[in-house]
Amino acid sequence: MTQAKAFAPGNLSCVFKIIPHLEATKMHSLGMGFTITEGVVVTVAQHSSQTTVQFNGSEIRFPTVVSVVQKLTSQPMRIEIDSPLPLGCGFGLSGAASLATTYALNALLELGKSEEELAMTAHVAEVENRTGLGDVCAQYHGGCLVKLKRGYPLAAERLPIPAQPVYYRYFSSIQTKTILESAERRERINRAADETLQALEILTKAESVDFNACIQLSKQFSLNSGLLEDTRVQETIREIEDAGGIASMIMLGNAVFSTHPFEGATETQLSSGEKGRLL
């Protein structure tokens, strides 16, 4: 085998609470999010010199993915990431690329690691590089997930929400690192999340869940946390609501998602179980 491929889905985070810890294996997030049918395909192959990463054909700096490689092998690798989704706009591509890279490297180098071990490797790389706290968990399980178990980064409960169309539009990126490094912002986010997590826990006990109820909780969280700042995002949500729909902000990106079609939106599919896998 000269190369290996793996897929991991994009993840849209709706609500999150930061769970800090000195150990990267214990730092994570609680909250809610869902995977979609689109994601990343990662192709890995051995390289003659240093590890390189390409995104849609262009070489980029991607410290989280390089960190994943270094955790699994001392050999230089060529990592090619292909995705129809944009980086830095709330689609969890750092987590997706990291998870898919671990799966592909495990196959190519015959490392013999379990999927859980690989997912934790990807999660730790995300935490250490401050590019994410909860995407890998969602991409490891797939579906619309609620995370309520503190201290267990890969623990999640799947809500009984069927696959369905979701519409999104992104305007610009938000650097996750800038949010995670601000103590004041972290405190406000966590206060807002505590209120929402109580409502989410109730949803996990329901036999059926209306996805619009999840979006409404996400919208309230985006307001209370102070994350809904971009005027384009605010106006788009207002227009959707005026047309009878429900919408919220994608965490963390200046982007909007809704079950209601709207101007400038791209259609995707909420996945009931799309998760990371070897191709």
Protein backbone atom coordinates (compact mmCIF):
# COMPACT_ATOMS: atom_id res chain seq x y z
CA MET A 1 0.00 0.00 0.00
CA THR A 2 1.50 3.34 -1.09
CA GLN A 3 -1.31 5.57 0.14
CA ALA A 4 -4.50 5.45 2.22
CA LYS A 5 -7.70 7.51 2.27
CA ALA A 6 -10.25 8.32 4.95
CA PHE A 7 -13.34 10.49 5.29
CA ALA A 8 -14.68 12.53 8.20
CA PRO A 9 -17.85 14.66 8.11
CA GLY A 10 -18.18 18.34 8.76
CA ASN A 11 -19.70 19.19 12.12
CA LEU A 12 -21.85 22.21 12.90
CA SER A 13 -21.63 23.14 16.56
CA CYS A 14 -24.78 24.75 17.96
CA VAL A 15 -24.02 25.11 21.68
CA PHE A 16 -20.81 24.61 23.62
CA LYS A 17 -19.42 24.88 27.12
CA ILE A 18 -15.67 24.87 27.67
CA ILE A 19 -14.42 22.26 30.15
CA PRO A 20 -10.88 23.35 31.03
CA HIS A 21 -8.24 20.92 32.24
CA LEU A 22 -4.45 20.87 32.42
CA GLU A 23 -4.46 17.49 30.65
CA ALA A 24 -5.44 17.65 26.98
CA THR A 25 -7.12 14.25 27.28
CA LYS A 26 -9.56 15.73 29.82
CA MET A 27 -10.15 19.17 28.28
CA HIS A 28 -13.16 19.26 25.97
CA SER A 29 -16.58 20.80 25.52
CA LEU A 30 -20.16 19.99 26.42
CA GLY A 31 -23.06 21.01 24.22
CA MET A 32 -24.81 20.10 20.99
CA GLY A 33 -23.95 19.80 17.32
CA PHE A 34 -24.63 17.73 14.22
CA THR A 35 -22.67 16.18 11.38
CA ILE A 36 -23.49 16.75 7.73
CA THR A 37 -23.01 14.65 4.61
CA GLU A 38 -20.12 16.77 3.30
CA GLY A 39 -16.75 16.66 4.96
CA VAL A 40 -13.13 16.00 4.11
CA VAL A 41 -11.34 13.24 2.25
CA VAL A 42 -7.75 12.88 3.41
CA THR A 43 -5.13 11.02 1.38
CA VAL A 44 -1.85 10.17 3.11
CA ALA A 45 1.40 8.91 1.63
CA GLN A 46 5.00 8.76 2.75
CA HIS A 47 7.14 11.77 1.85
CA SER A 48 10.84 12.05 1.16
CA SER A 49 11.53 15.12 3.30
CA GLN A 50 9.30 16.94 5.82
CA THR A 51 5.58 16.52 6.39
CA THR A 52 3.47 18.68 4.06
CA VAL A 53 -0.25 19.46 4.08
CA GLN A 54 -2.35 20.50 1.09
CA PHE A 55 -5.94 21.74 1.16
CA ASN A 56 -7.77 21.47 -2.17
CA GLY A 57 -4.44 21.37 -3.99
CA SER A 58 -2.74 24.30 -2.25
CA GLU A 59 -0.05 23.83 0.38
CA ILE A 60 -1.04 25.36 3.72
CA ARG A 61 0.11 25.59 7.32
CA PHE A 62 -2.02 23.18 9.33
CA PRO A 63 -0.35 22.70 12.74
CA THR A 64 -3.12 20.48 14.10
CA VAL A 65 -2.80 17.94 11.29
CA VAL A 66 1.01 18.04 11.47
CA SER A 67 0.70 17.42 15.22
CA VAL A 68 -1.46 14.34 14.55
CA VAL A 69 1.17 12.96 12.19
CA GLN A 70 3.93 13.53 14.73
CA LYS A 71 1.94 11.73 17.42
CA LEU A 72 1.57 8.62 15.25
CA THR A 73 4.86 8.38 13.34
CA SER A 74 8.33 9.85 13.01
CA GLN A 75 8.18 9.44 9.23
CA PRO A 76 7.52 12.51 7.05
CA MET A 77 4.14 12.29 5.31
CA ARG A 78 2.28 13.99 2.49
CA ILE A 79 -1.25 14.89 3.61
CA GLU A 80 -3.78 15.90 0.95
CA ILE A 81 -7.12 17.25 2.19
CA ASP A 82 -10.03 17.74 -0.20
CA SER A 83 -13.30 19.37 0.84
CA PRO A 84 -16.15 21.44 -0.60
CA LEU A 85 -16.44 23.17 2.79
CA PRO A 86 -14.43 26.26 3.84
CA LEU A 87 -11.82 26.34 6.57
CA GLY A 88 -12.39 28.48 9.65
CA CYS A 89 -16.12 29.02 9.18
CA GLY A 90 -17.57 26.69 11.79
CA PHE A 91 -17.71 23.40 9.89
CA GLY A 92 -15.21 21.63 12.14
CA LEU A 93 -12.75 20.96 9.35
CA SER A 94 -9.75 20.99 11.66
CA GLY A 95 -11.29 18.14 13.63
CA ALA A 96 -12.45 16.33 10.49
CA ALA A 97 -9.02 16.57 8.85
CA SER A 98 -7.30 15.43 12.03
CA LEU A 99 -9.61 12.44 12.54
CA ALA A 100 -9.44 11.34 8.90
CA THR A 101 -5.65 11.68 8.98
CA THR A 102 -5.41 9.35 11.98
CA TYR A 103 -7.61 6.73 10.28
CA ALA A 104 -5.61 6.89 7.04
CA LEU A 105 -2.22 6.77 8.79
CA ASN A 106 -3.34 3.85 10.92
CA ALA A 107 -4.18 1.89 7.76
CA LEU A 108 -1.13 2.93 5.73
CA LEU A 109 1.43 2.28 8.47
CA GLU A 110 -0.45 -0.70 9.97
CA LEU A 111 -0.35 0.83 13.44
CA GLY A 112 -3.09 -1.42 14.80
CA LYS A 113 -4.78 1.29 16.87
CA SER A 114 -8.51 1.28 17.69
CA GLU A 115 -10.85 3.96 16.35
CA GLU A 116 -11.27 5.27 19.89
CA GLU A 117 -7.50 5.63 20.30
CA LEU A 118 -7.27 7.43 16.97
CA ALA A 119 -10.15 9.75 17.83
CA MET A 120 -8.49 10.67 21.13
CA THR A 121 -5.22 11.37 19.29
CA ALA A 122 -7.08 13.77 16.98
CA HIS A 123 -8.90 15.38 19.92
CA VAL A 124 -5.67 15.97 21.86
CA ALA A 125 -4.08 17.57 18.79
CA GLU A 126 -7.06 19.91 18.51
CA VAL A 127 -6.86 20.90 22.17
CA GLU A 128 -3.11 21.43 22.12
CA ASN A 129 -3.33 23.64 19.03
CA ARG A 130 -6.47 25.43 20.31
CA THR A 131 -8.40 24.72 17.13
CA GLY A 132 -11.33 22.89 18.71
CA LEU A 133 -12.75 21.14 21.75
CA GLY A 134 -15.67 19.01 20.61
CA ASP A 135 -15.75 18.46 16.86
CA VAL A 136 -13.77 15.22 16.89
CA CYS A 137 -16.27 13.62 19.29
CA ALA A 138 -19.14 14.42 16.93
CA GLN A 139 -17.22 13.25 13.86
CA TYR A 140 -16.27 10.03 15.63
CA HIS A 141 -19.93 9.18 16.44
CA GLY A 142 -21.93 10.97 13.72
CA GLY A 143 -25.48 12.35 13.90
CA CYS A 144 -27.09 15.06 16.02
CA LEU A 145 -25.36 14.74 19.36
CA VAL A 146 -25.60 16.13 22.88
CA LYS A 147 -22.56 16.00 25.15
CA LEU A 148 -23.29 16.20 28.88
CA LYS A 149 -20.59 14.04 30.50
CA ARG A 150 -17.84 16.14 32.00
CA GLY A 151 -14.31 14.72 31.78
CA TYR A 152 -15.04 12.34 28.89
CA PRO A 153 -14.22 14.04 25.57
CA LEU A 154 -15.62 11.23 23.39
CA ALA A 155 -18.89 10.66 25.31
CA ALA A 156 -22.10 11.74 23.54
CA GLU A 157 -25.79 10.89 23.20
CA ARG A 158 -27.46 10.87 19.80
CA LEU A 159 -30.78 12.71 19.56
CA PRO A 160 -33.58 10.95 17.63
CA ILE A 161 -33.52 13.41 14.74
CA PRO A 162 -33.82 12.04 11.18
CA ALA A 163 -31.67 13.06 8.24
CA GLN A 164 -33.07 16.22 6.64
CA PRO A 165 -32.06 19.23 4.52
CA VAL A 166 -30.17 22.04 6.24
CA TYR A 167 -29.27 25.35 4.61
CA TYR A 168 -26.22 27.41 5.43
CA ARG A 169 -24.40 30.53 4.37
CA TYR A 170 -20.99 31.63 5.58
CA PHE A 171 -19.61 35.15 5.49
CA SER A 172 -16.20 34.99 7.17
CA SER A 173 -14.12 33.00 9.60
CA ILE A 174 -13.67 33.29 13.35
CA GLN A 175 -10.38 32.07 14.79
CA THR A 176 -11.29 29.57 17.51
CA LYS A 177 -7.95 30.27 19.16
CA THR A 178 -8.87 33.91 19.87
CA ILE A 179 -12.04 32.82 21.67
CA LEU A 180 -10.36 30.08 23.70
CA GLU A 181 -7.55 32.39 24.83
CA SER A 182 -9.86 35.07 26.30
CA ALA A 183 -10.79 34.33 29.93
CA GLU A 184 -13.59 36.90 29.86
CA ARG A 185 -15.16 35.39 26.75
CA ARG A 186 -14.82 31.85 28.08
CA GLU A 187 -16.67 32.81 31.28
CA ARG A 188 -19.54 34.46 29.41
CA ILE A 189 -19.84 31.51 27.01
CA ASN A 190 -19.96 29.03 29.89
CA ARG A 191 -22.61 31.02 31.78
CA ALA A 192 -24.81 31.03 28.69
CA ALA A 193 -24.16 27.35 28.07
CA ASP A 194 -25.20 26.30 31.58
CA GLU A 195 -28.74 27.53 30.95
CA THR A 196 -28.94 25.76 27.59
CA LEU A 197 -27.49 22.46 28.80
CA GLN A 198 -30.41 22.00 31.19
CA ALA A 199 -32.83 22.19 28.26
CA LEU A 200 -30.64 19.85 26.19
CA GLU A 201 -30.68 17.23 28.93
CA ILE A 202 -34.47 17.17 28.73
CA LEU A 203 -34.27 16.58 24.97
CA THR A 204 -32.12 13.46 25.46
CA LYS A 205 -35.04 11.82 27.29
CA ALA A 206 -37.59 12.51 24.53
CA GLU A 207 -38.77 9.81 22.12
CA SER A 208 -38.72 12.30 19.25
CA VAL A 209 -37.12 15.72 18.90
CA ASP A 210 -38.00 18.59 16.56
CA PHE A 211 -34.73 19.86 15.11
CA ASN A 212 -36.14 23.39 15.07
CA ALA A 213 -36.26 23.26 18.88
CA CYS A 214 -32.51 22.62 18.84
CA ILE A 215 -31.97 25.58 16.53
CA GLN A 216 -33.99 27.81 18.85
CA LEU A 217 -31.81 26.80 21.80
CA SER A 218 -28.72 27.51 19.71
CA LYS A 219 -29.99 30.96 18.76
CA GLN A 220 -30.61 31.84 22.42
CA PHE A 221 -27.13 30.63 23.32
CA SER A 222 -25.54 32.69 20.54
CA LEU A 223 -27.20 35.82 21.95
CA ASN A 224 -26.51 35.16 25.63
CA SER A 225 -22.88 34.21 24.98
CA GLY A 226 -22.15 37.38 23.03
CA LEU A 227 -20.93 35.38 20.05
CA LEU A 228 -23.62 36.68 17.70
CA GLU A 229 -21.82 39.91 16.82
CA ASP A 230 -21.55 39.99 13.03
CA THR A 231 -24.21 42.27 11.49
CA ARG A 232 -24.49 40.11 8.34
CA VAL A 233 -25.25 37.06 10.47
CA GLN A 234 -27.74 39.03 12.58
CA GLU A 235 -29.56 40.39 9.52
CA THR A 236 -29.70 37.01 7.80
CA ILE A 237 -31.20 35.36 10.88
CA ARG A 238 -33.74 38.19 11.14
CA GLU A 239 -34.74 37.77 7.48
CA ILE A 240 -35.23 34.02 7.92
CA GLU A 241 -37.37 34.58 11.01
CA ASP A 242 -39.43 37.22 9.21
CA ALA A 243 -40.13 34.60 6.52
CA GLY A 244 -41.37 32.14 9.15
CA GLY A 245 -38.20 30.10 9.62
CA ILE A 246 -35.82 29.47 12.50
CA ALA A 247 -32.08 30.06 12.25
CA SER A 248 -28.94 30.35 14.32
CA MET A 249 -25.24 31.07 14.10
CA ILE A 250 -22.76 28.28 13.40
CA MET A 251 -20.18 27.95 16.19
CA LEU A 252 -17.55 29.20 15.60
CA GLY A 253 -17.90 31.09 12.37
CA ASN A 254 -19.66 34.09 10.95
CA ALA A 255 -22.18 31.78 9.33
CA VAL A 256 -25.90 30.96 9.52
CA PHE A 257 -27.80 27.67 9.38
CA SER A 258 -31.51 26.95 9.11
CA THR A 259 -34.04 24.32 8.07
CA HIS A 260 -35.65 27.10 6.01
CA PRO A 261 -34.22 27.90 2.53
CA PHE A 262 -32.90 31.47 2.31
CA GLU A 263 -31.12 33.80 -0.07
CA GLY A 264 -27.48 32.91 -0.74
CA ALA A 265 -27.72 29.61 1.13
CA THR A 266 -26.17 26.27 0.20
CA GLU A 267 -28.12 23.10 0.89
CA THR A 268 -26.59 20.22 2.80
CA GLN A 269 -28.02 17.27 4.70
CA LEU A 270 -28.12 16.72 8.44
CA SER A 271 -26.73 13.23 8.76
CA SER A 272 -28.33 10.75 11.12
CA GLY A 273 -25.08 8.79 11.40
CA GLU A 274 -22.37 9.98 9.00
CA LYS A 275 -19.05 9.52 10.79
CA GLY A 276 -15.34 9.18 10.19
CA ARG A 277 -14.32 6.07 8.26
CA LEU A 278 -11.58 4.55 6.12
CA LEU A 279 -12.20 4.69 2.37
